[in-house]
Amino acid sequence: MIPTPHITAKEGDFARTVLMPGDPLRAKFIADNYLTDAVLVNNTRGVQGYTGYYKGKRVSVMASGMGMPSIGIYSYELFNFYGVENIIRVGSAGMLSEKLKVRDVVAGMSAYTNSSFGEQYGFQGHLAPCCSWELLKAAVEAGEKLGVHVVPGALYSSDVFYDERPQGKILQGLGVLAVEMEAAALYLNAARAGKNALSICTISDNPFTGEGLSAEERQNSFTKMMEIALVIA
């Protein structure tokens, strides 16, 4: 089914690996600053997708939007209709572990969630889907070569941004590194399709102290995460 209801690209327009930031403007930033011969292959609903080359390797980048329902749609269509084999989420996360600090880069080995997204696949229980080991290993090794310490561990994918419940301290006590809003759906779709996924996030804020990065600081810090993803794409 190409085009899909949400992607108007043609068959073959996407590379085997797609980098997936949440923000369409960040997708454009990656295409403009890192890819050569980048072509806009999707702009339906303003969700920009590009395919180009990074050091001679064909790579795509497309936004996911915010939240599990949104990345759930785009990752499903890329995996199941466009032949994409690997999706690497590059986004931001709020710190939970006190071992971390703002600007650290984390990689989600698994993703706890409060979402019911996984129920569609028929498992009546609590799921914490995992990433691709091959992509995780490659990301840690790429970080070492680039001088960036990548911290692997559990993420928490929340359906709620302004959560009034005291979840942070509970998750912190369970060793969860950081909170974000997309990884669990991405990992579930990858598992169901027999494909590979990894979420690499930069710690952008500390919800316990209120410390956070400005827009300019986020842009400069996030480039390390983008470079790791491009190396392993």
C-alpha atoms as a PDB file:
ATOM      1  CA  MET A   1       0.000   0.000   0.000  1.00  0.00           C
ATOM      2  CA  ILE A   2       2.076   2.860  -1.350  1.00  0.00           C
ATOM      3  CA  PRO A   3       1.515   5.721  -0.888  1.00  0.00           C
ATOM      4  CA  THR A   4       0.137   5.257   2.605  1.00  0.00           C
ATOM      5  CA  PRO A   5      -2.446   7.505   4.279  1.00  0.00           C
ATOM      6  CA  HIS A   6       0.372   9.458   5.977  1.00  0.00           C
ATOM      7  CA  ILE A   7       3.386   9.147   3.650  1.00  0.00           C
ATOM      8  CA  THR A   8       3.286  10.128  -0.029  1.00  0.00           C
ATOM      9  CA  ALA A   9       6.786   8.903  -0.908  1.00  0.00           C
ATOM     10  CA  LYS A  10       7.186   6.439  -3.757  1.00  0.00           C
ATOM     11  CA  GLU A  11       8.521   2.896  -3.487  1.00  0.00           C
ATOM     12  CA  GLY A  12      12.284   2.986  -3.013  1.00  0.00           C
ATOM     13  CA  ASP A  13      12.343   6.592  -1.791  1.00  0.00           C
ATOM     14  CA  PHE A  14      13.518   5.589   1.691  1.00  0.00           C
ATOM     15  CA  ALA A  15      16.876   4.066   2.571  1.00  0.00           C
ATOM     16  CA  ARG A  16      17.142   0.891   4.663  1.00  0.00           C
ATOM     17  CA  THR A  17      17.826   3.063   7.734  1.00  0.00           C
ATOM     18  CA  VAL A  18      15.730   6.056   8.803  1.00  0.00           C
ATOM     19  CA  LEU A  19      16.709   8.524  11.517  1.00  0.00           C
ATOM     20  CA  MET A  20      13.571   9.717  13.275  1.00  0.00           C
ATOM     21  CA  PRO A  21      13.535  12.910  15.343  1.00  0.00           C
ATOM     22  CA  GLY A  22      10.207  14.115  16.676  1.00  0.00           C
ATOM     23  CA  ASP A  23      10.430  17.616  15.224  1.00  0.00           C
ATOM     24  CA  PRO A  24      10.082  18.093  11.424  1.00  0.00           C
ATOM     25  CA  LEU A  25      12.481  21.046  11.645  1.00  0.00           C
ATOM     26  CA  ARG A  26      15.098  18.808  13.261  1.00  0.00           C
ATOM     27  CA  ALA A  27      14.684  16.377  10.364  1.00  0.00           C
ATOM     28  CA  LYS A  28      15.388  19.272   8.013  1.00  0.00           C
ATOM     29  CA  PHE A  29      18.388  20.294  10.154  1.00  0.00           C
ATOM     30  CA  ILE A  30      19.905  16.827   9.812  1.00  0.00           C
ATOM     31  CA  ALA A  31      19.275  16.751   6.063  1.00  0.00           C
ATOM     32  CA  ASP A  32      20.716  20.238   5.537  1.00  0.00           C
ATOM     33  CA  ASN A  33      23.793  19.811   7.706  1.00  0.00           C
ATOM     34  CA  TYR A  34      24.774  16.170   7.339  1.00  0.00           C
ATOM     35  CA  LEU A  35      23.397  14.717   4.109  1.00  0.00           C
ATOM     36  CA  THR A  36      24.550  15.332   0.574  1.00  0.00           C
ATOM     37  CA  ASP A  37      22.149  15.287  -2.374  1.00  0.00           C
ATOM     38  CA  ALA A  38      19.223  15.255   0.059  1.00  0.00           C
ATOM     39  CA  VAL A  39      15.796  15.025  -1.571  1.00  0.00           C
ATOM     40  CA  LEU A  40      12.481  15.789   0.125  1.00  0.00           C
ATOM     41  CA  VAL A  41      10.488  12.569  -0.282  1.00  0.00           C
ATOM     42  CA  ASN A  42       7.593  13.333   2.076  1.00  0.00           C
ATOM     43  CA  ASN A  43       5.933  16.475   3.360  1.00  0.00           C
ATOM     44  CA  THR A  44       2.416  15.231   4.078  1.00  0.00           C
ATOM     45  CA  ARG A  45       0.960  17.199   7.016  1.00  0.00           C
ATOM     46  CA  GLY A  46       4.310  18.979   7.263  1.00  0.00           C
ATOM     47  CA  VAL A  47       6.090  15.814   8.409  1.00  0.00           C
ATOM     48  CA  GLN A  48       9.283  16.215   6.446  1.00  0.00           C
ATOM     49  CA  GLY A  49      11.215  13.195   5.198  1.00  0.00           C
ATOM     50  CA  TYR A  50      14.495  13.338   3.284  1.00  0.00           C
ATOM     51  CA  THR A  51      16.793  10.812   1.655  1.00  0.00           C
ATOM     52  CA  GLY A  52      20.419  11.564   0.870  1.00  0.00           C
ATOM     53  CA  TYR A  53      23.936  10.359   1.559  1.00  0.00           C
ATOM     54  CA  TYR A  54      26.137  10.472   4.648  1.00  0.00           C
ATOM     55  CA  LYS A  55      29.757   9.835   3.703  1.00  0.00           C
ATOM     56  CA  GLY A  56      28.603   7.868   0.675  1.00  0.00           C
ATOM     57  CA  LYS A  57      26.002   5.816   2.561  1.00  0.00           C
ATOM     58  CA  ARG A  58      22.330   6.236   1.637  1.00  0.00           C
ATOM     59  CA  VAL A  59      20.336   7.411   4.676  1.00  0.00           C
ATOM     60  CA  SER A  60      16.860   8.802   5.274  1.00  0.00           C
ATOM     61  CA  VAL A  61      15.554  11.069   7.994  1.00  0.00           C
ATOM     62  CA  MET A  62      11.892  11.734   8.766  1.00  0.00           C
ATOM     63  CA  ALA A  63      10.043  13.241  11.689  1.00  0.00           C
ATOM     64  CA  SER A  64       7.792  11.143  13.918  1.00  0.00           C
ATOM     65  CA  GLY A  65       5.756  13.849  15.610  1.00  0.00           C
ATOM     66  CA  MET A  66       5.219  13.672  19.367  1.00  0.00           C
ATOM     67  CA  GLY A  67       3.967  10.692  21.302  1.00  0.00           C
ATOM     68  CA  MET A  68       3.454   6.982  20.770  1.00  0.00           C
ATOM     69  CA  PRO A  69       0.346   7.216  18.552  1.00  0.00           C
ATOM     70  CA  SER A  70       2.277   9.406  16.104  1.00  0.00           C
ATOM     71  CA  ILE A  71       5.537   7.444  15.945  1.00  0.00           C
ATOM     72  CA  GLY A  72       3.402   4.307  15.937  1.00  0.00           C
ATOM     73  CA  ILE A  73       1.803   5.339  12.640  1.00  0.00           C
ATOM     74  CA  TYR A  74       4.987   6.449  10.872  1.00  0.00           C
ATOM     75  CA  SER A  75       7.210   3.585  12.025  1.00  0.00           C
ATOM     76  CA  TYR A  76       4.518   1.034  11.125  1.00  0.00           C
ATOM     77  CA  GLU A  77       4.196   2.368   7.603  1.00  0.00           C
ATOM     78  CA  LEU A  78       7.961   2.607   7.090  1.00  0.00           C
ATOM     79  CA  PHE A  79       8.603  -0.922   8.376  1.00  0.00           C
ATOM     80  CA  ASN A  80       5.664  -2.641   6.700  1.00  0.00           C
ATOM     81  CA  PHE A  81       5.156  -0.780   3.432  1.00  0.00           C
ATOM     82  CA  TYR A  82       8.416   0.969   2.533  1.00  0.00           C
ATOM     83  CA  GLY A  83      10.870  -1.837   3.308  1.00  0.00           C
ATOM     84  CA  VAL A  84      12.757   0.120   5.984  1.00  0.00           C
ATOM     85  CA  GLU A  85      14.887  -2.226   8.114  1.00  0.00           C
ATOM     86  CA  ASN A  86      16.183   0.104  10.832  1.00  0.00           C
ATOM     87  CA  ILE A  87      14.681   3.135  12.577  1.00  0.00           C
ATOM     88  CA  ILE A  88      16.835   5.128  14.974  1.00  0.00           C
ATOM     89  CA  ARG A  89      14.948   7.634  17.083  1.00  0.00           C
ATOM     90  CA  VAL A  90      17.004  10.729  17.925  1.00  0.00           C
ATOM     91  CA  GLY A  91      15.245  12.833  20.514  1.00  0.00           C
ATOM     92  CA  SER A  92      15.233  14.389  23.939  1.00  0.00           C
ATOM     93  CA  ALA A  93      14.507  12.902  27.339  1.00  0.00           C
ATOM     94  CA  GLY A  94      14.004  14.094  30.878  1.00  0.00           C
ATOM     95  CA  MET A  95      16.516  12.819  33.414  1.00  0.00           C
ATOM     96  CA  LEU A  96      15.423  10.309  36.066  1.00  0.00           C
ATOM     97  CA  SER A  97      18.683   8.674  37.151  1.00  0.00           C
ATOM     98  CA  GLU A  98      20.811  10.777  39.458  1.00  0.00           C
ATOM     99  CA  LYS A  99      23.869   9.261  37.776  1.00  0.00           C
ATOM    100  CA  LEU A 100      23.093  11.353  34.705  1.00  0.00           C
ATOM    101  CA  LYS A 101      23.428  15.026  33.957  1.00  0.00           C
ATOM    102  CA  VAL A 102      21.989  17.378  31.378  1.00  0.00           C
ATOM    103  CA  ARG A 103      23.541  16.846  27.894  1.00  0.00           C
ATOM    104  CA  ASP A 104      24.338  13.175  28.536  1.00  0.00           C
ATOM    105  CA  VAL A 105      23.420  10.747  25.741  1.00  0.00           C
ATOM    106  CA  VAL A 106      21.393   7.650  26.641  1.00  0.00           C
ATOM    107  CA  ALA A 107      20.355   4.638  24.565  1.00  0.00           C
ATOM    108  CA  GLY A 108      17.183   2.767  25.438  1.00  0.00           C
ATOM    109  CA  MET A 109      17.836  -0.933  26.004  1.00  0.00           C
ATOM    110  CA  SER A 110      14.161  -1.296  26.912  1.00  0.00           C
ATOM    111  CA  ALA A 111      11.171   0.975  27.346  1.00  0.00           C
ATOM    112  CA  TYR A 112       8.776   0.830  30.279  1.00  0.00           C
ATOM    113  CA  THR A 113       5.452   2.467  29.475  1.00  0.00           C
ATOM    114  CA  ASN A 114       2.049   3.453  30.825  1.00  0.00           C
ATOM    115  CA  SER A 115       0.594   3.102  27.309  1.00  0.00           C
ATOM    116  CA  SER A 116      -1.856   0.470  26.095  1.00  0.00           C
ATOM    117  CA  PHE A 117      -0.178   0.513  22.666  1.00  0.00           C
ATOM    118  CA  GLY A 118       1.067  -3.074  23.018  1.00  0.00           C
ATOM    119  CA  GLU A 119      -2.387  -4.534  23.644  1.00  0.00           C
ATOM    120  CA  GLN A 120      -3.114  -4.491  19.898  1.00  0.00           C
ATOM    121  CA  TYR A 121      -0.613  -7.335  19.498  1.00  0.00           C
ATOM    122  CA  GLY A 122      -2.587  -9.627  21.780  1.00  0.00           C
ATOM    123  CA  PHE A 123      -0.364  -9.927  24.846  1.00  0.00           C
ATOM    124  CA  GLN A 124      -2.403  -9.582  28.025  1.00  0.00           C
ATOM    125  CA  GLY A 125       0.240  -8.358  30.427  1.00  0.00           C
ATOM    126  CA  HIS A 126       2.852  -5.681  30.961  1.00  0.00           C
ATOM    127  CA  LEU A 127       5.396  -5.204  28.205  1.00  0.00           C
ATOM    128  CA  ALA A 128       8.806  -3.521  28.285  1.00  0.00           C
ATOM    129  CA  PRO A 129       9.939  -3.906  24.662  1.00  0.00           C
ATOM    130  CA  CYS A 130      13.644  -3.984  23.848  1.00  0.00           C
ATOM    131  CA  CYS A 131      15.836  -2.357  21.232  1.00  0.00           C
ATOM    132  CA  SER A 132      17.994  -4.053  18.616  1.00  0.00           C
ATOM    133  CA  TRP A 133      21.172  -5.350  20.275  1.00  0.00           C
ATOM    134  CA  GLU A 134      23.143  -4.822  17.060  1.00  0.00           C
ATOM    135  CA  LEU A 135      22.155  -1.149  16.852  1.00  0.00           C
ATOM    136  CA  LEU A 136      22.775  -0.615  20.575  1.00  0.00           C
ATOM    137  CA  LYS A 137      26.239  -2.161  20.418  1.00  0.00           C
ATOM    138  CA  ALA A 138      27.078  -0.106  17.339  1.00  0.00           C
ATOM    139  CA  ALA A 139      25.871   3.114  19.011  1.00  0.00           C
ATOM    140  CA  VAL A 140      28.007   2.579  22.113  1.00  0.00           C
ATOM    141  CA  GLU A 141      31.060   1.817  19.968  1.00  0.00           C
ATOM    142  CA  ALA A 142      30.407   4.813  17.701  1.00  0.00           C
ATOM    143  CA  GLY A 143      30.090   7.037  20.761  1.00  0.00           C
ATOM    144  CA  GLU A 144      33.468   5.866  22.036  1.00  0.00           C
ATOM    145  CA  LYS A 145      35.103   6.721  18.706  1.00  0.00           C
ATOM    146  CA  LEU A 146      33.458  10.157  18.725  1.00  0.00           C
ATOM    147  CA  GLY A 147      34.404  10.812  22.343  1.00  0.00           C
ATOM    148  CA  VAL A 148      30.798  10.614  23.567  1.00  0.00           C
ATOM    149  CA  HIS A 149      29.886   8.379  26.490  1.00  0.00           C
ATOM    150  CA  VAL A 150      26.600   6.653  25.613  1.00  0.00           C
ATOM    151  CA  VAL A 151      24.740   5.358  28.672  1.00  0.00           C
ATOM    152  CA  PRO A 152      22.583   2.267  27.919  1.00  0.00           C
ATOM    153  CA  GLY A 153      19.606   1.415  30.101  1.00  0.00           C
ATOM    154  CA  ALA A 154      15.834   1.472  30.502  1.00  0.00           C
ATOM    155  CA  LEU A 155      13.696   4.392  29.319  1.00  0.00           C
ATOM    156  CA  TYR A 156      10.154   5.242  30.355  1.00  0.00           C
ATOM    157  CA  SER A 157       7.801   6.077  27.476  1.00  0.00           C
ATOM    158  CA  SER A 158       4.904   8.082  28.841  1.00  0.00           C
ATOM    159  CA  ASP A 159       1.568   8.949  27.263  1.00  0.00           C
ATOM    160  CA  VAL A 160       1.390  11.996  29.542  1.00  0.00           C
ATOM    161  CA  PHE A 161       3.714  15.014  29.438  1.00  0.00           C
ATOM    162  CA  TYR A 162       2.156  16.987  32.303  1.00  0.00           C
ATOM    163  CA  ASP A 163       1.801  14.032  34.665  1.00  0.00           C
ATOM    164  CA  GLU A 164       0.458  14.936  38.115  1.00  0.00           C
ATOM    165  CA  ARG A 165       1.236  11.492  39.538  1.00  0.00           C
ATOM    166  CA  PRO A 166       4.601  11.008  41.345  1.00  0.00           C
ATOM    167  CA  GLN A 167       5.986   8.529  38.799  1.00  0.00           C
ATOM    168  CA  GLY A 168       9.490   9.956  38.621  1.00  0.00           C
ATOM    169  CA  LYS A 169      10.747   8.844  42.026  1.00  0.00           C
ATOM    170  CA  ILE A 170       9.207   5.383  41.623  1.00  0.00           C
ATOM    171  CA  LEU A 171      10.875   4.843  38.249  1.00  0.00           C
ATOM    172  CA  GLN A 172      14.121   6.265  39.537  1.00  0.00           C
ATOM    173  CA  GLY A 173      14.067   3.609  42.241  1.00  0.00           C
ATOM    174  CA  LEU A 174      13.701   0.937  39.555  1.00  0.00           C
ATOM    175  CA  GLY A 175      16.816   2.127  37.732  1.00  0.00           C
ATOM    176  CA  VAL A 176      15.089   3.824  34.802  1.00  0.00           C
ATOM    177  CA  LEU A 177      17.399   6.360  33.178  1.00  0.00           C
ATOM    178  CA  ALA A 178      15.056   8.883  31.619  1.00  0.00           C
ATOM    179  CA  VAL A 179      11.514   9.663  30.492  1.00  0.00           C
ATOM    180  CA  GLU A 180      10.419  10.307  26.903  1.00  0.00           C
ATOM    181  CA  MET A 181       7.294   9.637  24.824  1.00  0.00           C
ATOM    182  CA  GLU A 182       8.041   7.439  21.797  1.00  0.00           C
ATOM    183  CA  ALA A 183      10.454   4.521  22.283  1.00  0.00           C
ATOM    184  CA  ALA A 184       7.998   1.847  23.480  1.00  0.00           C
ATOM    185  CA  ALA A 185       5.756   2.122  20.411  1.00  0.00           C
ATOM    186  CA  LEU A 186       8.751   2.146  18.085  1.00  0.00           C
ATOM    187  CA  TYR A 187      10.230  -0.968  19.716  1.00  0.00           C
ATOM    188  CA  LEU A 188       6.899  -2.821  19.631  1.00  0.00           C
ATOM    189  CA  ASN A 189       6.360  -2.073  15.942  1.00  0.00           C
ATOM    190  CA  ALA A 190       9.917  -3.163  15.162  1.00  0.00           C
ATOM    191  CA  ALA A 191       9.476  -6.418  17.077  1.00  0.00           C
ATOM    192  CA  ARG A 192       6.195  -7.206  15.334  1.00  0.00           C
ATOM    193  CA  ALA A 193       7.653  -6.467  11.893  1.00  0.00           C
ATOM    194  CA  GLY A 194      10.887  -8.351  12.564  1.00  0.00           C
ATOM    195  CA  LYS A 195      12.880  -5.156  12.082  1.00  0.00           C
ATOM    196  CA  ASN A 196      15.402  -3.161  14.162  1.00  0.00           C
ATOM    197  CA  ALA A 197      14.949  -0.054  16.305  1.00  0.00           C
ATOM    198  CA  LEU A 198      16.928   2.029  18.755  1.00  0.00           C
ATOM    199  CA  SER A 199      16.136   5.200  20.670  1.00  0.00           C
ATOM    200  CA  ILE A 200      19.077   7.535  21.307  1.00  0.00           C
ATOM    201  CA  CYS A 201      18.206  10.517  23.467  1.00  0.00           C
ATOM    202  CA  THR A 202      20.000  13.565  24.808  1.00  0.00           C
ATOM    203  CA  ILE A 203      19.121  14.533  28.371  1.00  0.00           C
ATOM    204  CA  SER A 204      17.566  17.952  27.922  1.00  0.00           C
ATOM    205  CA  ASP A 205      16.219  18.652  31.389  1.00  0.00           C
ATOM    206  CA  ASN A 206      16.208  17.594  35.015  1.00  0.00           C
ATOM    207  CA  PRO A 207      12.576  17.504  36.236  1.00  0.00           C
ATOM    208  CA  PHE A 208      13.683  17.306  39.874  1.00  0.00           C
ATOM    209  CA  THR A 209      15.739  20.521  39.852  1.00  0.00           C
ATOM    210  CA  GLY A 210      14.168  22.420  36.949  1.00  0.00           C
ATOM    211  CA  GLU A 211      17.487  22.604  35.099  1.00  0.00           C
ATOM    212  CA  GLY A 212      17.066  22.558  31.329  1.00  0.00           C
ATOM    213  CA  LEU A 213      18.702  23.496  28.062  1.00  0.00           C
ATOM    214  CA  SER A 214      17.791  26.504  25.973  1.00  0.00           C
ATOM    215  CA  ALA A 215      16.764  26.020  22.346  1.00  0.00           C
ATOM    216  CA  GLU A 216      20.267  26.952  21.162  1.00  0.00           C
ATOM    217  CA  GLU A 217      21.940  24.655  23.680  1.00  0.00           C
ATOM    218  CA  ARG A 218      19.673  21.789  22.645  1.00  0.00           C
ATOM    219  CA  GLN A 219      20.639  22.243  19.017  1.00  0.00           C
ATOM    220  CA  ASN A 220      24.365  22.223  19.801  1.00  0.00           C
ATOM    221  CA  SER A 221      24.170  19.291  22.223  1.00  0.00           C
ATOM    222  CA  PHE A 222      21.904  17.199  20.041  1.00  0.00           C
ATOM    223  CA  THR A 223      24.450  17.110  17.218  1.00  0.00           C
ATOM    224  CA  LYS A 224      26.490  14.485  19.097  1.00  0.00           C
ATOM    225  CA  MET A 225      23.489  12.175  19.182  1.00  0.00           C
ATOM    226  CA  MET A 226      22.794  12.799  15.494  1.00  0.00           C
ATOM    227  CA  GLU A 227      26.370  11.962  14.546  1.00  0.00           C
ATOM    228  CA  ILE A 228      26.242   8.659  16.443  1.00  0.00           C
ATOM    229  CA  ALA A 229      23.022   7.713  14.663  1.00  0.00           C
ATOM    230  CA  LEU A 230      24.464   8.624  11.264  1.00  0.00           C
ATOM    231  CA  VAL A 231      27.608   6.570  11.859  1.00  0.00           C
ATOM    232  CA  ILE A 232      25.601   3.423  12.610  1.00  0.00           C
ATOM    233  CA  ALA A 233      22.897   4.009   9.967  1.00  0.00           C
END
